Amino acid sequence: MRYVLILPLFLSACATFPALEGTISDAARQAPYADLTPLPPLPAASGDDQAALQARIDALQARAARIRRIDIGALQ
């Protein structure tokens, strides 16, 4: 079963790949690079977003505290 995962790797080593030389036209080679534009700034977090984020943090910390209190030995 473990050899089935390696089989595609060996099969791909025997594949022939198309030639890439000469596939770009001279016009494309002489074209200028595209202009890079910066991303727009992120919107500022509002008070509601901060409160929701803090509520989520508190809920996750409470859940972590409950998980820490579980006696793993009693579960086995």
PDB file of N, CA and C in Angstrom:
ATOM      1  N   MET A   1       0.827  -1.197   0.000  1.00  0.00           N
ATOM      2  CA  MET A   1       0.000   0.000   0.000  1.00  0.00           C
ATOM      3  C   MET A   1       0.870   1.260   0.000  1.00  0.00           C
ATOM      4  N   ARG A   2       1.977   1.232   0.717  1.00  0.00           N
ATOM      5  CA  ARG A   2       2.815   2.425   0.776  1.00  0.00           C
ATOM      6  C   ARG A   2       3.507   2.706  -0.545  1.00  0.00           C
ATOM      7  N   TYR A   3       3.663   1.677  -1.392  1.00  0.00           N
ATOM      8  CA  TYR A   3       4.285   1.891  -2.696  1.00  0.00           C
ATOM      9  C   TYR A   3       3.357   2.592  -3.670  1.00  0.00           C
ATOM     10  N   VAL A   4       2.062   2.538  -3.409  1.00  0.00           N
ATOM     11  CA  VAL A   4       1.088   3.204  -4.275  1.00  0.00           C
ATOM     12  C   VAL A   4       1.291   4.719  -4.235  1.00  0.00           C
ATOM     13  N   LEU A   5       1.739   5.243  -3.115  1.00  0.00           N
ATOM     14  CA  LEU A   5       1.971   6.679  -2.998  1.00  0.00           C
ATOM     15  C   LEU A   5       3.202   7.132  -3.774  1.00  0.00           C
ATOM     16  N   ILE A   6       4.168   6.243  -3.939  1.00  0.00           N
ATOM     17  CA  ILE A   6       5.401   6.582  -4.629  1.00  0.00           C
ATOM     18  C   ILE A   6       5.285   6.339  -6.136  1.00  0.00           C
ATOM     19  N   LEU A   7       4.354   5.491  -6.551  1.00  0.00           N
ATOM     20  CA  LEU A   7       4.201   5.129  -7.954  1.00  0.00           C
ATOM     21  C   LEU A   7       4.008   6.332  -8.877  1.00  0.00           C
ATOM     22  N   PRO A   8       3.157   7.326  -8.553  1.00  0.00           N
ATOM     23  CA  PRO A   8       3.027   8.492  -9.451  1.00  0.00           C
ATOM     24  C   PRO A   8       4.338   9.253  -9.636  1.00  0.00           C
ATOM     25  N   LEU A   9       5.163   9.267  -8.619  1.00  0.00           N
ATOM     26  CA  LEU A   9       6.456   9.944  -8.738  1.00  0.00           C
ATOM     27  C   LEU A   9       7.331   9.255  -9.783  1.00  0.00           C
ATOM     28  N   PHE A  10       7.377   7.937  -9.743  1.00  0.00           N
ATOM     29  CA  PHE A  10       8.175   7.192 -10.714  1.00  0.00           C
ATOM     30  C   PHE A  10       7.601   7.311 -12.121  1.00  0.00           C
ATOM     31  N   LEU A  11       6.284   7.307 -12.231  1.00  0.00           N
ATOM     32  CA  LEU A  11       5.668   7.424 -13.551  1.00  0.00           C
ATOM     33  C   LEU A  11       5.884   8.806 -14.154  1.00  0.00           C
ATOM     34  N   SER A  12       5.904   9.831 -13.343  1.00  0.00           N
ATOM     35  CA  SER A  12       6.114  11.173 -13.870  1.00  0.00           C
ATOM     36  C   SER A  12       7.552  11.376 -14.319  1.00  0.00           C
ATOM     37  N   ALA A  13       8.479  10.600 -13.796  1.00  0.00           N
ATOM     38  CA  ALA A  13       9.873  10.709 -14.214  1.00  0.00           C
ATOM     39  C   ALA A  13      10.062  10.220 -15.644  1.00  0.00           C
ATOM     40  N   CYS A  14       9.160   9.394 -16.133  1.00  0.00           N
ATOM     41  CA  CYS A  14       9.267   8.852 -17.491  1.00  0.00           C
ATOM     42  C   CYS A  14       8.515   9.706 -18.511  1.00  0.00           C
ATOM     43  N   ALA A  15       7.832  10.719 -18.088  1.00  0.00           N
ATOM     44  CA  ALA A  15       7.029  11.532 -18.986  1.00  0.00           C
ATOM     45  C   ALA A  15       7.918  12.438 -19.827  1.00  0.00           C
ATOM     46  N   THR A  16       7.451  12.745 -21.025  1.00  0.00           N
ATOM     47  CA  THR A  16       8.156  13.703 -21.875  1.00  0.00           C
ATOM     48  C   THR A  16       7.440  15.038 -21.770  1.00  0.00           C
ATOM     49  N   PHE A  17       8.195  16.084 -21.645  1.00  0.00           N
ATOM     50  CA  PHE A  17       7.635  17.410 -21.490  1.00  0.00           C
ATOM     51  C   PHE A  17       7.796  18.177 -22.793  1.00  0.00           C
ATOM     52  N   PRO A  18       6.852  19.042 -23.139  1.00  0.00           N
ATOM     53  CA  PRO A  18       6.964  19.797 -24.386  1.00  0.00           C
ATOM     54  C   PRO A  18       8.114  20.802 -24.309  1.00  0.00           C
ATOM     55  N   ALA A  19       8.681  21.075 -25.461  1.00  0.00           N
ATOM     56  CA  ALA A  19       9.774  22.037 -25.522  1.00  0.00           C
ATOM     57  C   ALA A  19       9.239  23.438 -25.294  1.00  0.00           C
ATOM     58  N   LEU A  20       9.901  24.194 -24.457  1.00  0.00           N
ATOM     59  CA  LEU A  20       9.466  25.551 -24.156  1.00  0.00           C
ATOM     60  C   LEU A  20      10.248  26.593 -24.942  1.00  0.00           C
ATOM     61  N   GLU A  21      11.323  26.179 -25.550  1.00  0.00           N
ATOM     62  CA  GLU A  21      12.148  27.108 -26.315  1.00  0.00           C
ATOM     63  C   GLU A  21      11.378  27.560 -27.554  1.00  0.00           C
ATOM     64  N   GLY A  22      11.355  28.864 -27.789  1.00  0.00           N
ATOM     65  CA  GLY A  22      10.698  29.408 -28.971  1.00  0.00           C
ATOM     66  C   GLY A  22       9.205  29.594 -28.832  1.00  0.00           C
ATOM     67  N   THR A  23       8.652  29.453 -27.643  1.00  0.00           N
ATOM     68  CA  THR A  23       7.214  29.620 -27.477  1.00  0.00           C
ATOM     69  C   THR A  23       6.837  31.065 -27.183  1.00  0.00           C
ATOM     70  N   ILE A  24       7.797  31.919 -26.859  1.00  0.00           N
ATOM     71  CA  ILE A  24       7.529  33.327 -26.588  1.00  0.00           C
ATOM     72  C   ILE A  24       7.891  34.121 -27.839  1.00  0.00           C
ATOM     73  N   SER A  25       6.928  34.928 -28.292  1.00  0.00           N
ATOM     74  CA  SER A  25       7.176  35.709 -29.507  1.00  0.00           C
ATOM     75  C   SER A  25       8.154  36.847 -29.220  1.00  0.00           C
ATOM     76  N   ASP A  26       8.719  37.391 -30.295  1.00  0.00           N
ATOM     77  CA  ASP A  26       9.659  38.510 -30.146  1.00  0.00           C
ATOM     78  C   ASP A  26       8.953  39.742 -29.586  1.00  0.00           C
ATOM     79  N   ALA A  27       7.685  39.947 -29.965  1.00  0.00           N
ATOM     80  CA  ALA A  27       6.930  41.088 -29.446  1.00  0.00           C
ATOM     81  C   ALA A  27       6.733  40.967 -27.934  1.00  0.00           C
ATOM     82  N   ALA A  28       6.494  39.764 -27.473  1.00  0.00           N
ATOM     83  CA  ALA A  28       6.323  39.549 -26.037  1.00  0.00           C
ATOM     84  C   ALA A  28       7.644  39.750 -25.291  1.00  0.00           C
ATOM     85  N   ARG A  29       8.738  39.387 -25.920  1.00  0.00           N
ATOM     86  CA  ARG A  29      10.048  39.582 -25.287  1.00  0.00           C
ATOM     87  C   ARG A  29      10.392  41.064 -25.155  1.00  0.00           C
ATOM     88  N   GLN A  30       9.979  41.866 -26.117  1.00  0.00           N
ATOM     89  CA  GLN A  30      10.300  43.292 -26.126  1.00  0.00           C
ATOM     90  C   GLN A  30       9.292  44.130 -25.343  1.00  0.00           C
ATOM     91  N   ALA A  31       8.195  43.533 -24.890  1.00  0.00           N
ATOM     92  CA  ALA A  31       7.163  44.283 -24.171  1.00  0.00           C
ATOM     93  C   ALA A  31       7.686  44.733 -22.812  1.00  0.00           C
ATOM     94  N   PRO A  32       7.261  45.907 -22.349  1.00  0.00           N
ATOM     95  CA  PRO A  32       7.708  46.373 -21.026  1.00  0.00           C
ATOM     96  C   PRO A  32       7.016  45.573 -19.913  1.00  0.00           C
ATOM     97  N   TYR A  33       7.633  45.600 -18.771  1.00  0.00           N
ATOM     98  CA  TYR A  33       7.041  44.941 -17.615  1.00  0.00           C
ATOM     99  C   TYR A  33       5.772  45.676 -17.188  1.00  0.00           C
ATOM    100  N   ALA A  34       4.854  44.935 -16.608  1.00  0.00           N
ATOM    101  CA  ALA A  34       3.612  45.536 -16.128  1.00  0.00           C
ATOM    102  C   ALA A  34       3.910  46.424 -14.927  1.00  0.00           C
ATOM    103  N   ASP A  35       3.137  47.492 -14.779  1.00  0.00           N
ATOM    104  CA  ASP A  35       3.289  48.382 -13.630  1.00  0.00           C
ATOM    105  C   ASP A  35       2.681  47.727 -12.394  1.00  0.00           C
ATOM    106  N   LEU A  36       3.403  47.761 -11.313  1.00  0.00           N
ATOM    107  CA  LEU A  36       2.896  47.236 -10.048  1.00  0.00           C
ATOM    108  C   LEU A  36       2.177  48.346  -9.305  1.00  0.00           C
ATOM    109  N   THR A  37       1.019  48.055  -8.802  1.00  0.00           N
ATOM    110  CA  THR A  37       0.251  49.040  -8.048  1.00  0.00           C
ATOM    111  C   THR A  37       0.132  48.555  -6.608  1.00  0.00           C
ATOM    112  N   PRO A  38       0.207  49.471  -5.660  1.00  0.00           N
ATOM    113  CA  PRO A  38       0.094  49.054  -4.259  1.00  0.00           C
ATOM    114  C   PRO A  38      -1.341  48.648  -3.917  1.00  0.00           C
ATOM    115  N   LEU A  39      -1.469  47.774  -2.943  1.00  0.00           N
ATOM    116  CA  LEU A  39      -2.783  47.377  -2.462  1.00  0.00           C
ATOM    117  C   LEU A  39      -3.422  48.526  -1.706  1.00  0.00           C
ATOM    118  N   PRO A  40      -4.741  48.620  -1.742  1.00  0.00           N
ATOM    119  CA  PRO A  40      -5.389  49.682  -0.975  1.00  0.00           C
ATOM    120  C   PRO A  40      -5.214  49.417   0.521  1.00  0.00           C
ATOM    121  N   PRO A  41      -5.198  50.475   1.325  1.00  0.00           N
ATOM    122  CA  PRO A  41      -5.014  50.281   2.775  1.00  0.00           C
ATOM    123  C   PRO A  41      -6.213  49.548   3.378  1.00  0.00           C
ATOM    124  N   LEU A  42      -5.948  48.787   4.424  1.00  0.00           N
ATOM    125  CA  LEU A  42      -7.001  48.067   5.117  1.00  0.00           C
ATOM    126  C   LEU A  42      -7.863  49.049   5.904  1.00  0.00           C
ATOM    127  N   PRO A  43      -9.151  48.780   5.989  1.00  0.00           N
ATOM    128  CA  PRO A  43      -9.994  49.668   6.799  1.00  0.00           C
ATOM    129  C   PRO A  43      -9.644  49.549   8.276  1.00  0.00           C
ATOM    130  N   ALA A  44      -9.779  50.634   8.973  1.00  0.00           N
ATOM    131  CA  ALA A  44      -9.467  50.653  10.408  1.00  0.00           C
ATOM    132  C   ALA A  44     -10.516  49.849  11.172  1.00  0.00           C
ATOM    133  N   ALA A  45     -10.069  49.172  12.211  1.00  0.00           N
ATOM    134  CA  ALA A  45     -10.979  48.380  13.024  1.00  0.00           C
ATOM    135  C   ALA A  45     -11.852  49.307  13.864  1.00  0.00           C
ATOM    136  N   SER A  46     -13.129  49.027  13.865  1.00  0.00           N
ATOM    137  CA  SER A  46     -14.047  49.843  14.656  1.00  0.00           C
ATOM    138  C   SER A  46     -14.134  49.286  16.076  1.00  0.00           C
ATOM    139  N   GLY A  47     -14.824  49.993  16.926  1.00  0.00           N
ATOM    140  CA  GLY A  47     -14.985  49.555  18.309  1.00  0.00           C
ATOM    141  C   GLY A  47     -15.749  48.248  18.393  1.00  0.00           C
ATOM    142  N   ASP A  48     -16.713  48.025  17.477  1.00  0.00           N
ATOM    143  CA  ASP A  48     -17.474  46.776  17.484  1.00  0.00           C
ATOM    144  C   ASP A  48     -16.585  45.593  17.125  1.00  0.00           C
ATOM    145  N   ASP A  49     -15.686  45.819  16.167  1.00  0.00           N
ATOM    146  CA  ASP A  49     -14.774  44.752  15.776  1.00  0.00           C
ATOM    147  C   ASP A  49     -13.848  44.396  16.932  1.00  0.00           C
ATOM    148  N   GLN A  50     -13.365  45.409  17.621  1.00  0.00           N
ATOM    149  CA  GLN A  50     -12.473  45.170  18.755  1.00  0.00           C
ATOM    150  C   GLN A  50     -13.209  44.422  19.862  1.00  0.00           C
ATOM    151  N   ALA A  51     -14.452  44.795  20.114  1.00  0.00           N
ATOM    152  CA  ALA A  51     -15.228  44.128  21.160  1.00  0.00           C
ATOM    153  C   ALA A  51     -15.515  42.679  20.774  1.00  0.00           C
ATOM    154  N   ALA A  52     -15.841  42.440  19.513  1.00  0.00           N
ATOM    155  CA  ALA A  52     -16.104  41.078  19.060  1.00  0.00           C
ATOM    156  C   ALA A  52     -14.834  40.235  19.140  1.00  0.00           C
ATOM    157  N   LEU A  53     -13.710  40.817  18.778  1.00  0.00           N
ATOM    158  CA  LEU A  53     -12.447  40.106  18.853  1.00  0.00           C
ATOM    159  C   LEU A  53     -12.090  39.785  20.303  1.00  0.00           C
ATOM    160  N   GLN A  54     -12.301  40.728  21.201  1.00  0.00           N
ATOM    161  CA  GLN A  54     -12.009  40.492  22.612  1.00  0.00           C
ATOM    162  C   GLN A  54     -12.939  39.426  23.181  1.00  0.00           C
ATOM    163  N   ALA A  55     -14.198  39.419  22.760  1.00  0.00           N
ATOM    164  CA  ALA A  55     -15.134  38.392  23.219  1.00  0.00           C
ATOM    165  C   ALA A  55     -14.696  37.016  22.733  1.00  0.00           C
ATOM    166  N   ARG A  56     -14.222  36.946  21.513  1.00  0.00           N
ATOM    167  CA  ARG A  56     -13.739  35.662  20.989  1.00  0.00           C
ATOM    168  C   ARG A  56     -12.495  35.195  21.729  1.00  0.00           C
ATOM    169  N   ILE A  57     -11.590  36.117  22.022  1.00  0.00           N
ATOM    170  CA  ILE A  57     -10.381  35.773  22.781  1.00  0.00           C
ATOM    171  C   ILE A  57     -10.763  35.242  24.155  1.00  0.00           C
ATOM    172  N   ASP A  58     -11.691  35.916  24.817  1.00  0.00           N
ATOM    173  CA  ASP A  58     -12.128  35.481  26.151  1.00  0.00           C
ATOM    174  C   ASP A  58     -12.768  34.097  26.095  1.00  0.00           C
ATOM    175  N   ALA A  59     -13.592  33.847  25.061  1.00  0.00           N
ATOM    176  CA  ALA A  59     -14.244  32.545  24.929  1.00  0.00           C
ATOM    177  C   ALA A  59     -13.214  31.445  24.681  1.00  0.00           C
ATOM    178  N   LEU A  60     -12.225  31.718  23.864  1.00  0.00           N
ATOM    179  CA  LEU A  60     -11.192  30.711  23.591  1.00  0.00           C
ATOM    180  C   LEU A  60     -10.335  30.443  24.824  1.00  0.00           C
ATOM    181  N   GLN A  61     -10.032  31.491  25.592  1.00  0.00           N
ATOM    182  CA  GLN A  61      -9.258  31.288  26.811  1.00  0.00           C
ATOM    183  C   GLN A  61     -10.056  30.499  27.841  1.00  0.00           C
ATOM    184  N   ALA A  62     -11.364  30.741  27.927  1.00  0.00           N
ATOM    185  CA  ALA A  62     -12.206  29.983  28.856  1.00  0.00           C
ATOM    186  C   ALA A  62     -12.274  28.521  28.425  1.00  0.00           C
ATOM    187  N   ARG A  63     -12.377  28.283  27.126  1.00  0.00           N
ATOM    188  CA  ARG A  63     -12.403  26.907  26.622  1.00  0.00           C
ATOM    189  C   ARG A  63     -11.084  26.204  26.927  1.00  0.00           C
ATOM    190  N   ALA A  64      -9.974  26.899  26.744  1.00  0.00           N
ATOM    191  CA  ALA A  64      -8.663  26.313  27.037  1.00  0.00           C
ATOM    192  C   ALA A  64      -8.550  25.977  28.522  1.00  0.00           C
ATOM    193  N   ALA A  65      -9.082  26.830  29.375  1.00  0.00           N
ATOM    194  CA  ALA A  65      -9.038  26.566  30.816  1.00  0.00           C
ATOM    195  C   ALA A  65      -9.868  25.324  31.155  1.00  0.00           C
ATOM    196  N   ARG A  66     -11.035  25.169  30.504  1.00  0.00           N
ATOM    197  CA  ARG A  66     -11.859  23.980  30.759  1.00  0.00           C
ATOM    198  C   ARG A  66     -11.148  22.719  30.292  1.00  0.00           C
ATOM    199  N   ILE A  67     -10.477  22.785  29.150  1.00  0.00           N
ATOM    200  CA  ILE A  67      -9.769  21.615  28.637  1.00  0.00           C
ATOM    201  C   ILE A  67      -8.602  21.253  29.546  1.00  0.00           C
ATOM    202  N   ARG A  68      -7.922  22.253  30.097  1.00  0.00           N
ATOM    203  CA  ARG A  68      -6.800  21.979  30.997  1.00  0.00           C
ATOM    204  C   ARG A  68      -7.250  21.276  32.274  1.00  0.00           C
ATOM    205  N   ARG A  69      -8.496  21.489  32.687  1.00  0.00           N
ATOM    206  CA  ARG A  69      -8.997  20.880  33.927  1.00  0.00           C
ATOM    207  C   ARG A  69      -9.415  19.423  33.739  1.00  0.00           C
ATOM    208  N   ILE A  70      -9.471  18.919  32.509  1.00  0.00           N
ATOM    209  CA  ILE A  70      -9.892  17.539  32.260  1.00  0.00           C
ATOM    210  C   ILE A  70      -8.801  16.593  32.758  1.00  0.00           C
ATOM    211  N   ASP A  71      -9.225  15.592  33.534  1.00  0.00           N
ATOM    212  CA  ASP A  71      -8.288  14.573  34.019  1.00  0.00           C
ATOM    213  C   ASP A  71      -8.170  13.496  32.959  1.00  0.00           C
ATOM    214  N   ILE A  72      -7.053  13.483  32.266  1.00  0.00           N
ATOM    215  CA  ILE A  72      -6.852  12.555  31.148  1.00  0.00           C
ATOM    216  C   ILE A  72      -6.815  11.105  31.660  1.00  0.00           C
ATOM    217  N   GLY A  73      -6.268  10.896  32.834  1.00  0.00           N
ATOM    218  CA  GLY A  73      -6.195   9.545  33.396  1.00  0.00           C
ATOM    219  C   GLY A  73      -7.569   8.949  33.619  1.00  0.00           C
ATOM    220  N   ALA A  74      -8.565   9.759  33.945  1.00  0.00           N
ATOM    221  CA  ALA A  74      -9.910   9.258  34.182  1.00  0.00           C
ATOM    222  C   ALA A  74     -10.587   8.856  32.879  1.00  0.00           C
ATOM    223  N   LEU A  75     -10.139   9.373  31.770  1.00  0.00           N
ATOM    224  CA  LEU A  75     -10.751   9.051  30.483  1.00  0.00           C
ATOM    225  C   LEU A  75     -10.291   7.702  29.940  1.00  0.00           C
ATOM    226  N   GLN A  76      -9.179   7.184  30.430  1.00  0.00           N
ATOM    227  CA  GLN A  76      -8.644   5.938  29.883  1.00  0.00           C
ATOM    228  C   GLN A  76      -9.208   4.746  30.527  1.00  0.00           C
TER     229      GLN A  76
END
